[in-house]
Amino acid sequence: MPAADQRQAIGPLRRRAQELEAQMHRLSGLIEKADAFLARPDAFTLHSDKAQQIARDRAALAARLAETEDAWLEASDEIEKLTGG
């Protein structure tokens, strides 16, 4: 691939990788908040419905985080292939 084409292809991939990395940080933060609530001794006794919902939300967040990590790895691998690094 010519150098100019390579640079054009890398720019959007780098932006995508940066967006995915930011999303991973955001999702990780939300998971940490859910974990903190669920770790409270009274989470399921005093706030049973809320705790169950947070547990479900946490599972969904973990799945989204895994998908986002996979997409980030794919973008990073593509950048590496294009840059020869």
C-alpha atoms as a PDB file:
ATOM      1  CA  MET A   1       0.000   0.000   0.000  1.00  0.00           C
ATOM      2  CA  PRO A   2       1.417   3.423  -0.914  1.00  0.00           C
ATOM      3  CA  ALA A   3       2.464   5.615   2.016  1.00  0.00           C
ATOM      4  CA  ALA A   4      -0.247   8.228   1.364  1.00  0.00           C
ATOM      5  CA  ASP A   5      -2.964   5.565   1.319  1.00  0.00           C
ATOM      6  CA  GLN A   6      -1.495   4.051   4.449  1.00  0.00           C
ATOM      7  CA  ARG A   7      -1.637   7.378   6.296  1.00  0.00           C
ATOM      8  CA  GLN A   8      -5.246   7.886   5.201  1.00  0.00           C
ATOM      9  CA  ALA A   9      -6.180   4.434   6.490  1.00  0.00           C
ATOM     10  CA  ILE A  10      -4.352   4.829   9.800  1.00  0.00           C
ATOM     11  CA  GLY A  11      -5.966   8.130  10.847  1.00  0.00           C
ATOM     12  CA  PRO A  12      -9.522   6.820  11.202  1.00  0.00           C
ATOM     13  CA  LEU A  13      -8.262   3.613  12.806  1.00  0.00           C
ATOM     14  CA  ARG A  14      -6.316   5.567  15.423  1.00  0.00           C
ATOM     15  CA  ARG A  15      -9.357   7.736  16.170  1.00  0.00           C
ATOM     16  CA  ARG A  16     -11.498   4.603  16.468  1.00  0.00           C
ATOM     17  CA  ALA A  17      -8.958   2.984  18.798  1.00  0.00           C
ATOM     18  CA  GLN A  18      -8.907   6.136  20.959  1.00  0.00           C
ATOM     19  CA  GLU A  19     -12.719   6.221  21.098  1.00  0.00           C
ATOM     20  CA  LEU A  20     -12.824   2.557  22.057  1.00  0.00           C
ATOM     21  CA  GLU A  21     -10.188   3.085  24.745  1.00  0.00           C
ATOM     22  CA  ALA A  22     -12.225   5.944  26.227  1.00  0.00           C
ATOM     23  CA  GLN A  23     -15.318   3.745  26.160  1.00  0.00           C
ATOM     24  CA  MET A  24     -13.401   0.946  27.926  1.00  0.00           C
ATOM     25  CA  HIS A  25     -12.400   3.364  30.699  1.00  0.00           C
ATOM     26  CA  ARG A  26     -15.985   4.603  31.052  1.00  0.00           C
ATOM     27  CA  LEU A  27     -17.405   1.066  31.184  1.00  0.00           C
ATOM     28  CA  SER A  28     -14.746  -0.001  33.686  1.00  0.00           C
ATOM     29  CA  GLY A  29     -15.691   2.922  35.903  1.00  0.00           C
ATOM     30  CA  LEU A  30     -19.360   1.980  35.791  1.00  0.00           C
ATOM     31  CA  ILE A  31     -18.508  -1.633  36.627  1.00  0.00           C
ATOM     32  CA  GLU A  32     -16.410  -0.452  39.583  1.00  0.00           C
ATOM     33  CA  LYS A  33     -19.360   1.586  40.880  1.00  0.00           C
ATOM     34  CA  ALA A  34     -21.680  -1.395  40.521  1.00  0.00           C
ATOM     35  CA  ASP A  35     -19.169  -3.632  42.288  1.00  0.00           C
ATOM     36  CA  ALA A  36     -18.851  -1.138  45.141  1.00  0.00           C
ATOM     37  CA  PHE A  37     -22.603  -1.097  45.652  1.00  0.00           C
ATOM     38  CA  LEU A  38     -22.936  -4.871  45.378  1.00  0.00           C
ATOM     39  CA  ALA A  39     -20.098  -5.380  47.868  1.00  0.00           C
ATOM     40  CA  ARG A  40     -22.017  -3.548  50.578  1.00  0.00           C
ATOM     41  CA  PRO A  41     -23.167  -5.986  53.257  1.00  0.00           C
ATOM     42  CA  ASP A  42     -26.733  -4.670  53.107  1.00  0.00           C
ATOM     43  CA  ALA A  43     -26.996  -4.449  49.311  1.00  0.00           C
ATOM     44  CA  PHE A  44     -29.252  -7.462  48.926  1.00  0.00           C
ATOM     45  CA  THR A  45     -31.011  -7.287  52.288  1.00  0.00           C
ATOM     46  CA  LEU A  46     -32.066  -3.630  52.405  1.00  0.00           C
ATOM     47  CA  HIS A  47     -32.065  -2.911  48.671  1.00  0.00           C
ATOM     48  CA  SER A  48     -32.920  -6.256  47.094  1.00  0.00           C
ATOM     49  CA  ASP A  49     -34.645  -4.973  43.944  1.00  0.00           C
ATOM     50  CA  LYS A  50     -32.027  -2.305  43.349  1.00  0.00           C
ATOM     51  CA  ALA A  51     -29.184  -4.770  43.941  1.00  0.00           C
ATOM     52  CA  GLN A  52     -30.683  -7.272  41.517  1.00  0.00           C
ATOM     53  CA  GLN A  53     -31.038  -4.583  38.850  1.00  0.00           C
ATOM     54  CA  ILE A  54     -27.489  -3.380  39.422  1.00  0.00           C
ATOM     55  CA  ALA A  55     -26.239  -6.971  39.170  1.00  0.00           C
ATOM     56  CA  ARG A  56     -28.033  -7.360  35.817  1.00  0.00           C
ATOM     57  CA  ASP A  57     -26.714  -4.004  34.619  1.00  0.00           C
ATOM     58  CA  ARG A  58     -23.202  -4.993  35.693  1.00  0.00           C
ATOM     59  CA  ALA A  59     -23.414  -8.190  33.651  1.00  0.00           C
ATOM     60  CA  ALA A  60     -24.512  -6.189  30.605  1.00  0.00           C
ATOM     61  CA  LEU A  61     -21.700  -3.683  31.165  1.00  0.00           C
ATOM     62  CA  ALA A  62     -19.159  -6.512  31.416  1.00  0.00           C
ATOM     63  CA  ALA A  63     -20.397  -7.944  28.112  1.00  0.00           C
ATOM     64  CA  ARG A  64     -20.159  -4.515  26.458  1.00  0.00           C
ATOM     65  CA  LEU A  65     -16.670  -4.077  27.884  1.00  0.00           C
ATOM     66  CA  ALA A  66     -15.571  -7.419  26.429  1.00  0.00           C
ATOM     67  CA  GLU A  67     -16.998  -6.455  23.015  1.00  0.00           C
ATOM     68  CA  THR A  68     -15.307  -3.067  23.177  1.00  0.00           C
ATOM     69  CA  GLU A  69     -11.980  -4.648  24.140  1.00  0.00           C
ATOM     70  CA  ASP A  70     -12.258  -7.022  21.176  1.00  0.00           C
ATOM     71  CA  ALA A  71     -12.958  -4.126  18.804  1.00  0.00           C
ATOM     72  CA  TRP A  72     -10.039  -2.161  20.274  1.00  0.00           C
ATOM     73  CA  LEU A  73      -7.709  -5.134  19.795  1.00  0.00           C
ATOM     74  CA  GLU A  74      -8.831  -5.497  16.180  1.00  0.00           C
ATOM     75  CA  ALA A  75      -8.250  -1.795  15.502  1.00  0.00           C
ATOM     76  CA  SER A  76      -4.858  -1.932  17.231  1.00  0.00           C
ATOM     77  CA  ASP A  77      -3.837  -4.999  15.234  1.00  0.00           C
ATOM     78  CA  GLU A  78      -4.850  -3.292  11.999  1.00  0.00           C
ATOM     79  CA  ILE A  79      -2.842  -0.187  12.926  1.00  0.00           C
ATOM     80  CA  GLU A  80       0.149  -2.386  13.708  1.00  0.00           C
ATOM     81  CA  LYS A  81      -0.155  -4.159  10.337  1.00  0.00           C
ATOM     82  CA  LEU A  82      -0.344  -0.857   8.486  1.00  0.00           C
ATOM     83  CA  THR A  83       2.590   0.690  10.335  1.00  0.00           C
ATOM     84  CA  GLY A  84       4.734  -2.419  10.270  1.00  0.00           C
ATOM     85  CA  GLY A  85       5.103  -2.261  14.044  1.00  0.00           C
END
